[in-house]
PDB file of N, CA and C in Angstrom:
ATOM      1  N   MET A   1      -5.446  39.204   2.655  1.00  0.00           N
ATOM      2  CA  MET A   1      -5.620  38.123   1.677  1.00  0.00           C
ATOM      3  C   MET A   1      -4.325  37.380   1.491  1.00  0.00           C
ATOM      4  N   PHE A   2      -3.231  38.116   1.382  1.00  0.00           N
ATOM      5  CA  PHE A   2      -1.926  37.470   1.184  1.00  0.00           C
ATOM      6  C   PHE A   2      -1.535  36.628   2.382  1.00  0.00           C
ATOM      7  N   GLU A   3      -1.906  37.111   3.625  1.00  0.00           N
ATOM      8  CA  GLU A   3      -1.553  36.398   4.799  1.00  0.00           C
ATOM      9  C   GLU A   3      -2.348  35.066   4.860  1.00  0.00           C
ATOM     10  N   LYS A   4      -3.572  35.085   4.402  1.00  0.00           N
ATOM     11  CA  LYS A   4      -4.356  33.771   4.318  1.00  0.00           C
ATOM     12  C   LYS A   4      -3.673  32.775   3.420  1.00  0.00           C
ATOM     13  N   VAL A   5      -3.257  33.260   2.264  1.00  0.00           N
ATOM     14  CA  VAL A   5      -2.618  32.354   1.253  1.00  0.00           C
ATOM     15  C   VAL A   5      -1.313  31.894   1.828  1.00  0.00           C
ATOM     16  N   LYS A   6      -0.558  32.751   2.498  1.00  0.00           N
ATOM     17  CA  LYS A   6       0.715  32.409   3.077  1.00  0.00           C
ATOM     18  C   LYS A   6       0.494  31.298   4.245  1.00  0.00           C
ATOM     19  N   SER A   7      -0.488  31.522   5.071  1.00  0.00           N
ATOM     20  CA  SER A   7      -0.758  30.537   6.175  1.00  0.00           C
ATOM     21  C   SER A   7      -1.225  29.206   5.570  1.00  0.00           C
ATOM     22  N   PHE A   8      -2.040  29.256   4.463  1.00  0.00           N
ATOM     23  CA  PHE A   8      -2.482  28.015   3.878  1.00  0.00           C
ATOM     24  C   PHE A   8      -1.255  27.305   3.282  1.00  0.00           C
ATOM     25  N   ALA A   9      -0.370  28.016   2.589  1.00  0.00           N
ATOM     26  CA  ALA A   9       0.788  27.372   1.953  1.00  0.00           C
ATOM     27  C   ALA A   9       1.653  26.758   2.986  1.00  0.00           C
ATOM     28  N   SER A  10       1.838  27.358   4.166  1.00  0.00           N
ATOM     29  CA  SER A  10       2.614  26.878   5.198  1.00  0.00           C
ATOM     30  C   SER A  10       2.056  25.629   5.868  1.00  0.00           C
ATOM     31  N   SER A  11       0.695  25.656   6.010  1.00  0.00           N
ATOM     32  CA  SER A  11       0.023  24.502   6.547  1.00  0.00           C
ATOM     33  C   SER A  11       0.214  23.237   5.627  1.00  0.00           C
ATOM     34  N   VAL A  12       0.061  23.516   4.295  1.00  0.00           N
ATOM     35  CA  VAL A  12       0.176  22.408   3.321  1.00  0.00           C
ATOM     36  C   VAL A  12       1.611  21.895   3.354  1.00  0.00           C
ATOM     37  N   LYS A  13       2.570  22.827   3.501  1.00  0.00           N
ATOM     38  CA  LYS A  13       4.011  22.381   3.514  1.00  0.00           C
ATOM     39  C   LYS A  13       4.231  21.502   4.788  1.00  0.00           C
ATOM     40  N   GLN A  14       3.671  21.932   5.893  1.00  0.00           N
ATOM     41  CA  GLN A  14       3.860  21.177   7.129  1.00  0.00           C
ATOM     42  C   GLN A  14       3.284  19.766   7.018  1.00  0.00           C
ATOM     43  N   LYS A  15       2.058  19.675   6.417  1.00  0.00           N
ATOM     44  CA  LYS A  15       1.443  18.405   6.276  1.00  0.00           C
ATOM     45  C   LYS A  15       2.315  17.491   5.280  1.00  0.00           C
ATOM     46  N   ALA A  16       2.818  18.092   4.230  1.00  0.00           N
ATOM     47  CA  ALA A  16       3.645  17.376   3.278  1.00  0.00           C
ATOM     48  C   ALA A  16       4.941  16.875   3.946  1.00  0.00           C
ATOM     49  N   ASP A  17       5.511  17.719   4.810  1.00  0.00           N
ATOM     50  CA  ASP A  17       6.694  17.257   5.508  1.00  0.00           C
ATOM     51  C   ASP A  17       6.436  16.151   6.455  1.00  0.00           C
ATOM     52  N   ALA A  18       5.287  16.187   7.103  1.00  0.00           N
ATOM     53  CA  ALA A  18       4.899  15.105   8.004  1.00  0.00           C
ATOM     54  C   ALA A  18       4.736  13.782   7.211  1.00  0.00           C
ATOM     55  N   LYS A  19       4.091  13.846   6.045  1.00  0.00           N
ATOM     56  CA  LYS A  19       3.986  12.685   5.222  1.00  0.00           C
ATOM     57  C   LYS A  19       5.314  12.105   4.712  1.00  0.00           C
ATOM     58  N   MET A  20       6.185  13.037   4.367  1.00  0.00           N
ATOM     59  CA  MET A  20       7.494  12.652   3.902  1.00  0.00           C
ATOM     60  C   MET A  20       8.279  11.937   4.964  1.00  0.00           C
ATOM     61  N   LEU A  21       8.077  12.283   6.240  1.00  0.00           N
ATOM     62  CA  LEU A  21       8.732  11.564   7.305  1.00  0.00           C
ATOM     63  C   LEU A  21       8.056  10.254   7.653  1.00  0.00           C
ATOM     64  N   ALA A  22       6.693  10.201   7.417  1.00  0.00           N
ATOM     65  CA  ALA A  22       5.990   8.979   7.807  1.00  0.00           C
ATOM     66  C   ALA A  22       6.216   7.867   6.827  1.00  0.00           C
ATOM     67  N   VAL A  23       6.353   8.129   5.593  1.00  0.00           N
ATOM     68  CA  VAL A  23       6.510   7.066   4.573  1.00  0.00           C
ATOM     69  C   VAL A  23       7.770   6.309   4.791  1.00  0.00           C
ATOM     70  N   PRO A  24       8.976   6.922   4.941  1.00  0.00           N
ATOM     71  CA  PRO A  24      10.141   6.057   5.253  1.00  0.00           C
ATOM     72  C   PRO A  24      10.033   5.273   6.611  1.00  0.00           C
ATOM     73  N   ALA A  25       9.422   5.876   7.586  1.00  0.00           N
ATOM     74  CA  ALA A  25       9.258   5.231   8.794  1.00  0.00           C
ATOM     75  C   ALA A  25       8.383   4.026   8.678  1.00  0.00           C
ATOM     76  N   LEU A  26       7.296   4.153   7.955  1.00  0.00           N
ATOM     77  CA  LEU A  26       6.477   3.015   7.716  1.00  0.00           C
ATOM     78  C   LEU A  26       7.162   1.889   6.908  1.00  0.00           C
ATOM     79  N   ALA A  27       7.934   2.279   5.912  1.00  0.00           N
ATOM     80  CA  ALA A  27       8.690   1.312   5.122  1.00  0.00           C
ATOM     81  C   ALA A  27       9.629   0.600   5.999  1.00  0.00           C
ATOM     82  N   THR A  28      10.275   1.307   6.926  1.00  0.00           N
ATOM     83  CA  THR A  28      11.232   0.656   7.805  1.00  0.00           C
ATOM     84  C   THR A  28      10.532  -0.357   8.746  1.00  0.00           C
ATOM     85  N   ALA A  29       9.373   0.047   9.241  1.00  0.00           N
ATOM     86  CA  ALA A  29       8.638  -0.851  10.116  1.00  0.00           C
ATOM     87  C   ALA A  29       8.229  -2.082   9.408  1.00  0.00           C
ATOM     88  N   VAL A  30       7.662  -1.992   8.168  1.00  0.00           N
ATOM     89  CA  VAL A  30       7.291  -3.107   7.414  1.00  0.00           C
ATOM     90  C   VAL A  30       8.424  -3.993   7.163  1.00  0.00           C
ATOM     91  N   THR A  31       9.618  -3.487   6.827  1.00  0.00           N
ATOM     92  CA  THR A  31      10.715  -4.268   6.553  1.00  0.00           C
ATOM     93  C   THR A  31      11.222  -5.048   7.765  1.00  0.00           C
ATOM     94  N   ALA A  32      11.160  -4.367   8.982  1.00  0.00           N
ATOM     95  CA  ALA A  32      11.537  -4.994  10.201  1.00  0.00           C
ATOM     96  C   ALA A  32      10.511  -6.094  10.530  1.00  0.00           C
ATOM     97  N   ALA A  33       9.258  -5.836  10.312  1.00  0.00           N
ATOM     98  CA  ALA A  33       8.229  -6.884  10.660  1.00  0.00           C
ATOM     99  C   ALA A  33       8.365  -8.126   9.760  1.00  0.00           C
ATOM    100  N   THR A  34       8.712  -7.910   8.508  1.00  0.00           N
ATOM    101  CA  THR A  34       8.786  -9.065   7.613  1.00  0.00           C
ATOM    102  C   THR A  34      10.089  -9.898   7.830  1.00  0.00           C
ATOM    103  N   SER A  35      11.153  -9.189   8.301  1.00  0.00           N
ATOM    104  CA  SER A  35      12.349  -9.947   8.501  1.00  0.00           C
ATOM    105  C   SER A  35      12.186 -10.842   9.697  1.00  0.00           C
ATOM    106  N   VAL A  36      11.314 -10.631  10.630  1.00  0.00           N
ATOM    107  CA  VAL A  36      11.117 -11.488  11.734  1.00  0.00           C
ATOM    108  C   VAL A  36      10.548 -12.838  11.223  1.00  0.00           C
ATOM    109  N   VAL A  37       9.680 -12.781  10.296  1.00  0.00           N
ATOM    110  CA  VAL A  37       9.095 -13.979   9.780  1.00  0.00           C
ATOM    111  C   VAL A  37      10.103 -14.789   8.956  1.00  0.00           C
ATOM    112  N   ALA A  38      10.973 -14.121   8.323  1.00  0.00           N
ATOM    113  CA  ALA A  38      12.010 -14.811   7.484  1.00  0.00           C
ATOM    114  C   ALA A  38      12.981 -15.526   8.343  1.00  0.00           C
ATOM    115  N   PHE A  39      13.206 -15.167   9.580  1.00  0.00           N
ATOM    116  CA  PHE A  39      14.125 -15.924  10.452  1.00  0.00           C
ATOM    117  C   PHE A  39      13.428 -16.780  11.443  1.00  0.00           C
ATOM    118  N   ALA A  40      12.251 -17.257  11.071  1.00  0.00           N
ATOM    119  CA  ALA A  40      11.539 -18.125  11.985  1.00  0.00           C
ATOM    120  C   ALA A  40      12.273 -19.405  12.211  1.00  0.00           C
ATOM    121  N   GLU A  41      11.982 -20.099  13.328  1.00  0.00           N
ATOM    122  CA  GLU A  41      12.725 -21.307  13.710  1.00  0.00           C
ATOM    123  C   GLU A  41      12.438 -22.438  12.742  1.00  0.00           C
ATOM    124  N   GLU A  42      13.536 -23.085  12.324  1.00  0.00           N
ATOM    125  CA  GLU A  42      13.390 -24.223  11.455  1.00  0.00           C
ATOM    126  C   GLU A  42      13.738 -25.447  12.258  1.00  0.00           C
ATOM    127  N   THR A  43      12.771 -26.407  12.208  1.00  0.00           N
ATOM    128  CA  THR A  43      12.969 -27.635  13.034  1.00  0.00           C
ATOM    129  C   THR A  43      13.687 -28.764  12.252  1.00  0.00           C
ATOM    130  N   GLY A  44      13.644 -28.636  10.953  1.00  0.00           N
ATOM    131  CA  GLY A  44      14.221 -29.699  10.156  1.00  0.00           C
ATOM    132  C   GLY A  44      13.226 -30.641   9.571  1.00  0.00           C
ATOM    133  N   THR A  45      12.064 -30.876  10.309  1.00  0.00           N
ATOM    134  CA  THR A  45      10.996 -31.687   9.741  1.00  0.00           C
ATOM    135  C   THR A  45       9.875 -30.769   9.267  1.00  0.00           C
ATOM    136  N   SER A  46       9.401 -31.079   8.095  1.00  0.00           N
ATOM    137  CA  SER A  46       8.389 -30.244   7.474  1.00  0.00           C
ATOM    138  C   SER A  46       7.008 -30.999   7.640  1.00  0.00           C
ATOM    139  N   THR A  47       6.068 -30.275   8.102  1.00  0.00           N
ATOM    140  CA  THR A  47       4.734 -30.879   8.163  1.00  0.00           C
ATOM    141  C   THR A  47       3.875 -30.565   6.916  1.00  0.00           C
ATOM    142  N   LEU A  48       4.418 -29.771   5.994  1.00  0.00           N
ATOM    143  CA  LEU A  48       3.701 -29.502   4.737  1.00  0.00           C
ATOM    144  C   LEU A  48       4.131 -30.566   3.684  1.00  0.00           C
ATOM    145  N   PRO A  49       3.132 -30.999   2.971  1.00  0.00           N
ATOM    146  CA  PRO A  49       3.574 -31.903   1.879  1.00  0.00           C
ATOM    147  C   PRO A  49       4.274 -31.241   0.746  1.00  0.00           C
ATOM    148  N   SER A  50       5.194 -31.899   0.106  1.00  0.00           N
ATOM    149  CA  SER A  50       5.896 -31.287  -0.990  1.00  0.00           C
ATOM    150  C   SER A  50       5.044 -31.443  -2.274  1.00  0.00           C
ATOM    151  N   VAL A  51       4.973 -30.392  -3.022  1.00  0.00           N
ATOM    152  CA  VAL A  51       4.145 -30.438  -4.264  1.00  0.00           C
ATOM    153  C   VAL A  51       5.057 -30.295  -5.458  1.00  0.00           C
ATOM    154  N   ALA A  52       4.914 -31.214  -6.413  1.00  0.00           N
ATOM    155  CA  ALA A  52       5.607 -31.092  -7.617  1.00  0.00           C
ATOM    156  C   ALA A  52       4.651 -30.629  -8.761  1.00  0.00           C
ATOM    157  N   ILE A  53       4.804 -29.479  -9.279  1.00  0.00           N
ATOM    158  CA  ILE A  53       3.921 -28.905 -10.298  1.00  0.00           C
ATOM    159  C   ILE A  53       4.467 -29.399 -11.635  1.00  0.00           C
ATOM    160  N   THR A  54       3.685 -29.999 -12.404  1.00  0.00           N
ATOM    161  CA  THR A  54       4.069 -30.437 -13.741  1.00  0.00           C
ATOM    162  C   THR A  54       3.407 -29.641 -14.819  1.00  0.00           C
ATOM    163  N   THR A  55       3.920 -29.767 -16.017  1.00  0.00           N
ATOM    164  CA  THR A  55       3.325 -29.065 -17.157  1.00  0.00           C
ATOM    165  C   THR A  55       1.890 -29.441 -17.420  1.00  0.00           C
ATOM    166  N   ASP A  56       1.575 -30.724 -17.088  1.00  0.00           N
ATOM    167  CA  ASP A  56       0.195 -31.195 -17.321  1.00  0.00           C
ATOM    168  C   ASP A  56      -0.789 -30.513 -16.409  1.00  0.00           C
ATOM    169  N   MET A  57      -0.317 -30.197 -15.243  1.00  0.00           N
ATOM    170  CA  MET A  57      -1.169 -29.403 -14.251  1.00  0.00           C
ATOM    171  C   MET A  57      -1.422 -27.966 -14.724  1.00  0.00           C
ATOM    172  N   LEU A  58      -0.418 -27.425 -15.395  1.00  0.00           N
ATOM    173  CA  LEU A  58      -0.564 -25.989 -15.840  1.00  0.00           C
ATOM    174  C   LEU A  58      -1.236 -25.872 -17.169  1.00  0.00           C
ATOM    175  N   THR A  59      -1.419 -26.936 -17.918  1.00  0.00           N
ATOM    176  CA  THR A  59      -2.032 -26.829 -19.280  1.00  0.00           C
ATOM    177  C   THR A  59      -3.436 -26.173 -19.219  1.00  0.00           C
ATOM    178  N   PRO A  60      -4.344 -26.602 -18.317  1.00  0.00           N
ATOM    179  CA  PRO A  60      -5.641 -25.920 -18.336  1.00  0.00           C
ATOM    180  C   PRO A  60      -5.604 -24.462 -17.969  1.00  0.00           C
ATOM    181  N   LEU A  61      -4.664 -24.103 -17.110  1.00  0.00           N
ATOM    182  CA  LEU A  61      -4.508 -22.684 -16.768  1.00  0.00           C
ATOM    183  C   LEU A  61      -4.022 -21.843 -17.974  1.00  0.00           C
ATOM    184  N   VAL A  62      -3.061 -22.362 -18.609  1.00  0.00           N
ATOM    185  CA  VAL A  62      -2.513 -21.666 -19.787  1.00  0.00           C
ATOM    186  C   VAL A  62      -3.583 -21.581 -20.885  1.00  0.00           C
ATOM    187  N   GLU A  63      -4.307 -22.675 -21.147  1.00  0.00           N
ATOM    188  CA  GLU A  63      -5.348 -22.619 -22.110  1.00  0.00           C
ATOM    189  C   GLU A  63      -6.468 -21.610 -21.807  1.00  0.00           C
ATOM    190  N   GLY A  64      -6.764 -21.502 -20.504  1.00  0.00           N
ATOM    191  CA  GLY A  64      -7.803 -20.529 -20.108  1.00  0.00           C
ATOM    192  C   GLY A  64      -7.328 -19.072 -20.291  1.00  0.00           C
ATOM    193  N   VAL A  65      -6.122 -18.871 -19.992  1.00  0.00           N
ATOM    194  CA  VAL A  65      -5.517 -17.495 -20.171  1.00  0.00           C
ATOM    195  C   VAL A  65      -5.477 -17.108 -21.626  1.00  0.00           C
ATOM    196  N   VAL A  66      -5.033 -18.084 -22.472  1.00  0.00           N
ATOM    197  CA  VAL A  66      -4.920 -17.764 -23.946  1.00  0.00           C
ATOM    198  C   VAL A  66      -6.350 -17.571 -24.470  1.00  0.00           C
ATOM    199  N   ALA A  67      -7.345 -18.324 -23.994  1.00  0.00           N
ATOM    200  CA  ALA A  67      -8.737 -18.148 -24.542  1.00  0.00           C
ATOM    201  C   ALA A  67      -9.229 -16.778 -24.085  1.00  0.00           C
ATOM    202  N   ASN A  68      -8.935 -16.392 -22.865  1.00  0.00           N
ATOM    203  CA  ASN A  68      -9.480 -15.081 -22.336  1.00  0.00           C
ATOM    204  C   ASN A  68      -8.780 -13.941 -23.114  1.00  0.00           C
ATOM    205  N   ILE A  69      -7.449 -14.086 -23.403  1.00  0.00           N
ATOM    206  CA  ILE A  69      -6.744 -13.056 -24.211  1.00  0.00           C
ATOM    207  C   ILE A  69      -7.383 -12.981 -25.584  1.00  0.00           C
ATOM    208  N   GLY A  70      -7.666 -14.162 -26.154  1.00  0.00           N
ATOM    209  CA  GLY A  70      -8.198 -14.177 -27.480  1.00  0.00           C
ATOM    210  C   GLY A  70      -9.633 -13.450 -27.553  1.00  0.00           C
ATOM    211  N   VAL A  71     -10.370 -13.417 -26.476  1.00  0.00           N
ATOM    212  CA  VAL A  71     -11.640 -12.727 -26.494  1.00  0.00           C
ATOM    213  C   VAL A  71     -11.439 -11.251 -26.153  1.00  0.00           C
ATOM    214  N   ILE A  72     -10.624 -10.954 -25.169  1.00  0.00           N
ATOM    215  CA  ILE A  72     -10.451  -9.609 -24.673  1.00  0.00           C
ATOM    216  C   ILE A  72      -9.689  -8.700 -25.616  1.00  0.00           C
ATOM    217  N   LEU A  73      -8.699  -9.273 -26.242  1.00  0.00           N
ATOM    218  CA  LEU A  73      -7.801  -8.451 -27.113  1.00  0.00           C
ATOM    219  C   LEU A  73      -8.512  -7.721 -28.222  1.00  0.00           C
ATOM    220  N   PRO A  74      -9.383  -8.416 -28.974  1.00  0.00           N
ATOM    221  CA  PRO A  74     -10.057  -7.697 -30.078  1.00  0.00           C
ATOM    222  C   PRO A  74     -10.976  -6.581 -29.475  1.00  0.00           C
ATOM    223  N   VAL A  75     -11.674  -6.888 -28.438  1.00  0.00           N
ATOM    224  CA  VAL A  75     -12.630  -5.855 -27.832  1.00  0.00           C
ATOM    225  C   VAL A  75     -11.744  -4.732 -27.302  1.00  0.00           C
ATOM    226  N   GLY A  76     -10.648  -4.972 -26.634  1.00  0.00           N
ATOM    227  CA  GLY A  76      -9.822  -3.921 -26.121  1.00  0.00           C
ATOM    228  C   GLY A  76      -9.179  -3.049 -27.240  1.00  0.00           C
ATOM    229  N   LEU A  77      -8.740  -3.733 -28.307  1.00  0.00           N
ATOM    230  CA  LEU A  77      -8.201  -2.923 -29.360  1.00  0.00           C
ATOM    231  C   LEU A  77      -9.235  -2.029 -30.012  1.00  0.00           C
ATOM    232  N   GLY A  78     -10.495  -2.613 -30.154  1.00  0.00           N
ATOM    233  CA  GLY A  78     -11.574  -1.816 -30.723  1.00  0.00           C
ATOM    234  C   GLY A  78     -11.924  -0.578 -29.842  1.00  0.00           C
ATOM    235  N   LEU A  79     -11.944  -0.809 -28.567  1.00  0.00           N
ATOM    236  CA  LEU A  79     -12.189   0.342 -27.664  1.00  0.00           C
ATOM    237  C   LEU A  79     -11.108   1.370 -27.706  1.00  0.00           C
ATOM    238  N   PHE A  80      -9.848   0.855 -27.731  1.00  0.00           N
ATOM    239  CA  PHE A  80      -8.683   1.757 -27.826  1.00  0.00           C
ATOM    240  C   PHE A  80      -8.821   2.591 -29.119  1.00  0.00           C
ATOM    241  N   ALA A  81      -9.096   1.931 -30.274  1.00  0.00           N
ATOM    242  CA  ALA A  81      -9.214   2.638 -31.499  1.00  0.00           C
ATOM    243  C   ALA A  81     -10.315   3.710 -31.483  1.00  0.00           C
ATOM    244  N   ILE A  82     -11.453   3.361 -30.817  1.00  0.00           N
ATOM    245  CA  ILE A  82     -12.526   4.347 -30.647  1.00  0.00           C
ATOM    246  C   ILE A  82     -12.057   5.597 -29.841  1.00  0.00           C
ATOM    247  N   PHE A  83     -11.504   5.283 -28.741  1.00  0.00           N
ATOM    248  CA  PHE A  83     -11.046   6.427 -27.839  1.00  0.00           C
ATOM    249  C   PHE A  83      -9.959   7.215 -28.544  1.00  0.00           C
ATOM    250  N   LEU A  84      -9.070   6.545 -29.223  1.00  0.00           N
ATOM    251  CA  LEU A  84      -8.005   7.271 -29.909  1.00  0.00           C
ATOM    252  C   LEU A  84      -8.617   8.144 -31.020  1.00  0.00           C
ATOM    253  N   GLY A  85      -9.590   7.585 -31.725  1.00  0.00           N
ATOM    254  CA  GLY A  85     -10.247   8.299 -32.818  1.00  0.00           C
ATOM    255  C   GLY A  85     -10.993   9.485 -32.264  1.00  0.00           C
ATOM    256  N   ILE A  86     -11.626   9.358 -31.146  1.00  0.00           N
ATOM    257  CA  ILE A  86     -12.354  10.486 -30.541  1.00  0.00           C
ATOM    258  C   ILE A  86     -11.390  11.578 -30.151  1.00  0.00           C
ATOM    259  N   ARG A  87     -10.228  11.201 -29.765  1.00  0.00           N
ATOM    260  CA  ARG A  87      -9.172  12.183 -29.306  1.00  0.00           C
ATOM    261  C   ARG A  87      -8.526  12.838 -30.472  1.00  0.00           C
ATOM    262  N   ILE A  88      -8.161  12.135 -31.536  1.00  0.00           N
ATOM    263  CA  ILE A  88      -7.323  12.619 -32.562  1.00  0.00           C
ATOM    264  C   ILE A  88      -8.176  13.305 -33.740  1.00  0.00           C
ATOM    265  N   ILE A  89      -9.250  12.667 -34.126  1.00  0.00           N
ATOM    266  CA  ILE A  89      -9.965  13.100 -35.313  1.00  0.00           C
ATOM    267  C   ILE A  89     -10.455  14.606 -35.231  1.00  0.00           C
ATOM    268  N   PRO A  90     -11.079  15.027 -34.093  1.00  0.00           N
ATOM    269  CA  PRO A  90     -11.421  16.404 -34.026  1.00  0.00           C
ATOM    270  C   PRO A  90     -10.255  17.357 -34.174  1.00  0.00           C
ATOM    271  N   GLY A  91      -9.086  17.028 -33.648  1.00  0.00           N
ATOM    272  CA  GLY A  91      -7.941  17.867 -33.769  1.00  0.00           C
ATOM    273  C   GLY A  91      -7.461  17.885 -35.248  1.00  0.00           C
ATOM    274  N   LEU A  92      -7.468  16.758 -35.974  1.00  0.00           N
ATOM    275  CA  LEU A  92      -7.086  16.770 -37.371  1.00  0.00           C
ATOM    276  C   LEU A  92      -8.094  17.625 -38.222  1.00  0.00           C
ATOM    277  N   ILE A  93      -9.341  17.461 -37.955  1.00  0.00           N
ATOM    278  CA  ILE A  93     -10.377  18.235 -38.656  1.00  0.00           C
ATOM    279  C   ILE A  93     -10.182  19.691 -38.463  1.00  0.00           C
ATOM    280  N   SER A  94     -10.038  20.120 -37.182  1.00  0.00           N
ATOM    281  CA  SER A  94      -9.808  21.543 -36.984  1.00  0.00           C
ATOM    282  C   SER A  94      -8.559  22.063 -37.568  1.00  0.00           C
ATOM    283  N   ARG A  95      -7.508  21.265 -37.611  1.00  0.00           N
ATOM    284  CA  ARG A  95      -6.197  21.659 -38.247  1.00  0.00           C
ATOM    285  C   ARG A  95      -6.425  21.886 -39.647  1.00  0.00           C
ATOM    286  N   PHE A  96      -7.112  20.981 -40.454  1.00  0.00           N
ATOM    287  CA  PHE A  96      -7.290  21.145 -41.816  1.00  0.00           C
ATOM    288  C   PHE A  96      -8.305  22.203 -42.222  1.00  0.00           C
ATOM    289  N   VAL A  97      -9.239  22.423 -41.316  1.00  0.00           N
ATOM    290  CA  VAL A  97     -10.286  23.487 -41.621  1.00  0.00           C
ATOM    291  C   VAL A  97      -9.587  24.823 -41.442  1.00  0.00           C
ATOM    292  N   HIS A  98      -8.685  25.067 -40.549  1.00  0.00           N
ATOM    293  CA  HIS A  98      -8.064  26.353 -40.323  1.00  0.00           C
ATOM    294  C   HIS A  98      -6.980  26.663 -41.327  1.00  0.00           C
ATOM    295  N   MET A  99      -6.599  25.719 -42.176  1.00  0.00           N
ATOM    296  CA  MET A  99      -5.504  25.995 -43.118  1.00  0.00           C
ATOM    297  C   MET A  99      -5.976  26.856 -44.190  1.00  0.00           C
TER     298      MET A  99
END
């Protein structure tokens, strides 16, 4: 029985070691791949139009976000209070009952 547990633990350790080596290698590969795009050739002439974003353009977006927060916040706080009450109230009751 002990040998099975020992072999299982060693296999888990080997898999964890393999993942610990794979993550930095993957991060290095992603960094190298994105740096190639960053040094792409610049011709000096841009085919993309320049866009100037003004505050008037952002006004509907900000109003929409504020309206959504105004609706979601009371509901979220109510649910948070319910979940917190379900978690805390039984503990308080049992604490005062056992006194």
